[in-house]
Amino acid sequence: MKKGIHPENYRLVAFKDMSNDDIFITKSTANTAETIEHEGVEYPLIKMEISRTSHPFYTGKSKLIDTAGRIDKFKNKYAKFKK
């Protein structure tokens, strides 16, 4: 591998799945201002809408996740075309 092209600031970071509150710890260089305490240790926090613990491909269950109200916006927008 070439020297000097890879980041040096790897650290343990907590990733939190907001749809089911699952937290997993891994190394990352992602920047964040938020922190969380997990099992007595404080980690930088990265929030995600979906992860391996909630994605239908991995869980085998179909689940509708509408965190931003996109479905309601779509229905309201196209309600005028309904006959």
N, C-alpha and C. Protein backbone atom coordinates (compact mmCIF):
# COMPACT_ATOMS: atom_id res chain seq x y z
N MET A 1 0.84 -1.19 0.00
CA MET A 1 0.00 0.00 0.00
C MET A 1 0.88 1.25 0.00
N LYS A 2 0.37 2.30 -0.61
CA LYS A 2 1.10 3.57 -0.64
C LYS A 2 1.06 4.23 0.73
N LYS A 3 2.14 4.87 1.08
CA LYS A 3 2.23 5.58 2.36
C LYS A 3 1.60 6.96 2.22
N GLY A 4 0.93 7.43 3.29
CA GLY A 4 0.43 8.79 3.35
C GLY A 4 -0.90 9.06 2.68
N ILE A 5 -1.58 8.04 2.13
CA ILE A 5 -2.86 8.30 1.46
C ILE A 5 -4.05 7.81 2.28
N HIS A 6 -3.80 7.06 3.34
CA HIS A 6 -4.88 6.54 4.17
C HIS A 6 -5.04 7.38 5.44
N PRO A 7 -6.27 7.55 5.93
CA PRO A 7 -6.47 8.34 7.14
C PRO A 7 -5.79 7.71 8.36
N GLU A 8 -5.37 8.57 9.25
CA GLU A 8 -4.68 8.11 10.45
C GLU A 8 -5.57 8.20 11.69
N ASN A 9 -6.72 8.85 11.59
CA ASN A 9 -7.54 9.13 12.77
C ASN A 9 -8.64 8.10 13.00
N TYR A 10 -8.36 6.81 12.83
CA TYR A 10 -9.34 5.77 13.14
C TYR A 10 -9.56 5.71 14.65
N ARG A 11 -10.82 5.58 15.04
CA ARG A 11 -11.17 5.46 16.44
C ARG A 11 -12.45 4.65 16.54
N LEU A 12 -12.78 4.18 17.73
CA LEU A 12 -14.03 3.45 17.93
C LEU A 12 -15.19 4.43 17.90
N VAL A 13 -16.22 4.08 17.14
CA VAL A 13 -17.40 4.93 16.97
C VAL A 13 -18.64 4.06 17.15
N ALA A 14 -19.68 4.61 17.80
CA ALA A 14 -20.95 3.91 17.97
C ALA A 14 -21.88 4.30 16.83
N PHE A 15 -22.42 3.32 16.14
CA PHE A 15 -23.42 3.53 15.10
C PHE A 15 -24.76 3.08 15.67
N LYS A 16 -25.77 3.96 15.61
CA LYS A 16 -27.09 3.65 16.19
C LYS A 16 -28.14 3.62 15.10
N ASP A 17 -28.84 2.49 15.00
CA ASP A 17 -29.95 2.34 14.07
C ASP A 17 -31.17 2.99 14.73
N MET A 18 -31.68 4.06 14.16
CA MET A 18 -32.77 4.81 14.77
C MET A 18 -34.12 4.10 14.65
N SER A 19 -34.24 3.12 13.76
CA SER A 19 -35.52 2.43 13.61
C SER A 19 -35.74 1.36 14.68
N ASN A 20 -34.65 0.81 15.26
CA ASN A 20 -34.84 -0.21 16.29
C ASN A 20 -33.89 -0.02 17.48
N ASP A 21 -33.18 1.10 17.54
CA ASP A 21 -32.29 1.46 18.64
C ASP A 21 -31.14 0.48 18.87
N ASP A 22 -30.77 -0.28 17.84
CA ASP A 22 -29.62 -1.17 17.95
C ASP A 22 -28.34 -0.34 17.83
N ILE A 23 -27.35 -0.65 18.63
CA ILE A 23 -26.07 0.06 18.62
C ILE A 23 -24.96 -0.94 18.38
N PHE A 24 -24.05 -0.61 17.45
CA PHE A 24 -22.86 -1.43 17.28
C PHE A 24 -21.64 -0.53 17.21
N ILE A 25 -20.52 -1.06 17.67
CA ILE A 25 -19.27 -0.32 17.78
C ILE A 25 -18.30 -0.84 16.73
N THR A 26 -17.68 0.09 15.99
CA THR A 26 -16.67 -0.27 15.01
C THR A 26 -15.71 0.89 14.85
N LYS A 27 -14.62 0.67 14.17
CA LYS A 27 -13.66 1.75 13.92
C LYS A 27 -14.11 2.56 12.72
N SER A 28 -13.91 3.88 12.79
CA SER A 28 -14.32 4.77 11.72
C SER A 28 -13.54 6.08 11.81
N THR A 29 -13.55 6.82 10.71
CA THR A 29 -12.96 8.16 10.68
C THR A 29 -14.05 9.22 10.55
N ALA A 30 -15.32 8.81 10.55
CA ALA A 30 -16.43 9.74 10.38
C ALA A 30 -16.46 10.78 11.50
N ASN A 31 -16.69 12.04 11.13
CA ASN A 31 -16.75 13.12 12.11
C ASN A 31 -18.17 13.29 12.64
N THR A 32 -18.29 13.56 13.93
CA THR A 32 -19.57 13.81 14.55
C THR A 32 -19.37 14.62 15.82
N ALA A 33 -20.37 15.40 16.17
CA ALA A 33 -20.31 16.19 17.39
C ALA A 33 -21.03 15.50 18.54
N GLU A 34 -21.86 14.50 18.22
CA GLU A 34 -22.66 13.82 19.23
C GLU A 34 -21.87 12.65 19.85
N THR A 35 -22.19 12.36 21.10
CA THR A 35 -21.59 11.21 21.78
C THR A 35 -22.69 10.42 22.47
N ILE A 36 -22.36 9.17 22.81
CA ILE A 36 -23.29 8.31 23.52
C ILE A 36 -22.49 7.43 24.47
N GLU A 37 -23.10 7.10 25.60
CA GLU A 37 -22.46 6.18 26.54
C GLU A 37 -23.05 4.80 26.30
N HIS A 38 -22.18 3.84 26.04
CA HIS A 38 -22.61 2.47 25.77
C HIS A 38 -21.74 1.53 26.59
N GLU A 39 -22.36 0.77 27.47
CA GLU A 39 -21.68 -0.19 28.35
C GLU A 39 -20.58 0.50 29.16
N GLY A 40 -20.89 1.72 29.64
CA GLY A 40 -19.98 2.43 30.52
C GLY A 40 -18.86 3.20 29.84
N VAL A 41 -18.83 3.20 28.51
CA VAL A 41 -17.79 3.91 27.76
C VAL A 41 -18.45 4.93 26.85
N GLU A 42 -17.88 6.12 26.73
CA GLU A 42 -18.44 7.16 25.87
C GLU A 42 -17.79 7.08 24.49
N TYR A 43 -18.65 7.05 23.45
CA TYR A 43 -18.20 6.95 22.06
C TYR A 43 -18.78 8.09 21.24
N PRO A 44 -18.11 8.50 20.16
CA PRO A 44 -18.75 9.39 19.19
C PRO A 44 -19.94 8.63 18.57
N LEU A 45 -21.02 9.34 18.24
CA LEU A 45 -22.26 8.70 17.77
C LEU A 45 -22.57 9.08 16.33
N ILE A 46 -22.84 8.07 15.50
CA ILE A 46 -23.33 8.26 14.14
C ILE A 46 -24.73 7.63 14.10
N LYS A 47 -25.75 8.43 13.71
CA LYS A 47 -27.12 7.91 13.63
C LYS A 47 -27.42 7.46 12.20
N MET A 48 -28.10 6.29 12.10
CA MET A 48 -28.47 5.74 10.80
C MET A 48 -29.97 5.44 10.80
N GLU A 49 -30.58 5.53 9.63
CA GLU A 49 -32.01 5.20 9.53
C GLU A 49 -32.23 3.70 9.39
N ILE A 50 -31.26 3.00 8.83
CA ILE A 50 -31.43 1.57 8.61
C ILE A 50 -30.05 0.91 8.67
N SER A 51 -30.01 -0.31 9.18
CA SER A 51 -28.75 -1.05 9.27
C SER A 51 -29.03 -2.53 9.01
N ARG A 52 -28.03 -3.35 9.24
CA ARG A 52 -28.19 -4.79 9.01
C ARG A 52 -29.22 -5.41 9.94
N THR A 53 -29.51 -4.78 11.07
CA THR A 53 -30.48 -5.35 12.01
C THR A 53 -31.92 -4.96 11.69
N SER A 54 -32.12 -4.03 10.75
CA SER A 54 -33.48 -3.63 10.41
C SER A 54 -33.78 -3.70 8.91
N HIS A 55 -32.78 -3.98 8.09
CA HIS A 55 -33.00 -4.03 6.64
C HIS A 55 -33.73 -5.32 6.27
N PRO A 56 -34.77 -5.21 5.43
CA PRO A 56 -35.57 -6.40 5.07
C PRO A 56 -34.75 -7.52 4.43
N PHE A 57 -33.70 -7.21 3.71
CA PHE A 57 -32.88 -8.25 3.09
C PHE A 57 -32.25 -9.15 4.15
N TYR A 58 -31.78 -8.56 5.23
CA TYR A 58 -31.10 -9.33 6.27
C TYR A 58 -32.08 -9.93 7.29
N THR A 59 -33.19 -9.26 7.54
CA THR A 59 -34.13 -9.75 8.54
C THR A 59 -35.14 -10.74 7.96
N GLY A 60 -35.38 -10.65 6.66
CA GLY A 60 -36.38 -11.52 6.03
C GLY A 60 -37.80 -11.04 6.25
N LYS A 61 -37.95 -9.86 6.84
CA LYS A 61 -39.27 -9.29 7.10
C LYS A 61 -39.40 -7.98 6.34
N SER A 62 -40.54 -7.78 5.72
CA SER A 62 -40.81 -6.52 5.05
C SER A 62 -41.36 -5.54 6.07
N LYS A 63 -40.74 -4.39 6.16
CA LYS A 63 -41.13 -3.41 7.16
C LYS A 63 -41.10 -2.03 6.52
N LEU A 64 -42.14 -1.25 6.72
CA LEU A 64 -42.21 0.09 6.16
C LEU A 64 -41.63 1.08 7.16
N ILE A 65 -40.58 1.79 6.74
CA ILE A 65 -39.96 2.81 7.58
C ILE A 65 -40.18 4.15 6.91
N ASP A 66 -40.93 5.02 7.55
CA ASP A 66 -41.24 6.33 6.99
C ASP A 66 -40.88 7.38 8.03
N THR A 67 -39.60 7.70 8.13
CA THR A 67 -39.14 8.63 9.17
C THR A 67 -39.39 10.07 8.82
N ALA A 68 -39.50 10.40 7.54
CA ALA A 68 -39.63 11.80 7.14
C ALA A 68 -41.03 12.14 6.66
N GLY A 69 -41.99 11.21 6.75
CA GLY A 69 -43.36 11.48 6.30
C GLY A 69 -43.48 11.53 4.78
N ARG A 70 -42.59 10.85 4.09
CA ARG A 70 -42.57 10.90 2.63
C ARG A 70 -43.83 10.32 2.01
N ILE A 71 -44.38 9.27 2.62
CA ILE A 71 -45.57 8.64 2.06
C ILE A 71 -46.76 9.58 2.16
N ASP A 72 -46.92 10.24 3.30
CA ASP A 72 -48.01 11.20 3.46
C ASP A 72 -47.87 12.36 2.49
N LYS A 73 -46.67 12.85 2.29
CA LYS A 73 -46.44 13.94 1.34
C LYS A 73 -46.83 13.50 -0.07
N PHE A 74 -46.45 12.29 -0.44
CA PHE A 74 -46.78 11.76 -1.75
C PHE A 74 -48.30 11.64 -1.93
N LYS A 75 -48.98 11.07 -0.93
CA LYS A 75 -50.43 10.91 -1.02
C LYS A 75 -51.14 12.25 -1.12
N ASN A 76 -50.71 13.24 -0.34
CA ASN A 76 -51.32 14.57 -0.39
C ASN A 76 -51.08 15.24 -1.73
N LYS A 77 -49.91 15.08 -2.26
CA LYS A 77 -49.55 15.72 -3.53
C LYS A 77 -50.39 15.19 -4.69
N TYR A 78 -50.64 13.87 -4.70
CA TYR A 78 -51.35 13.26 -5.81
C TYR A 78 -52.81 12.96 -5.52
N ALA A 79 -53.33 13.42 -4.41
CA ALA A 79 -54.75 13.22 -4.07
C ALA A 79 -55.66 13.94 -5.04
N LYS A 80 -55.19 15.07 -5.59
CA LYS A 80 -56.01 15.85 -6.51
C LYS A 80 -56.26 15.12 -7.82
N PHE A 81 -55.45 14.12 -8.17
CA PHE A 81 -55.62 13.38 -9.42
C PHE A 81 -56.51 12.16 -9.24
N LYS A 82 -56.90 11.89 -8.00
CA LYS A 82 -57.74 10.73 -7.70
C LYS A 82 -59.15 10.97 -8.25
N LYS A 83 -59.71 9.97 -8.89
CA LYS A 83 -61.05 10.11 -9.48
C LYS A 83 -62.12 9.63 -8.55
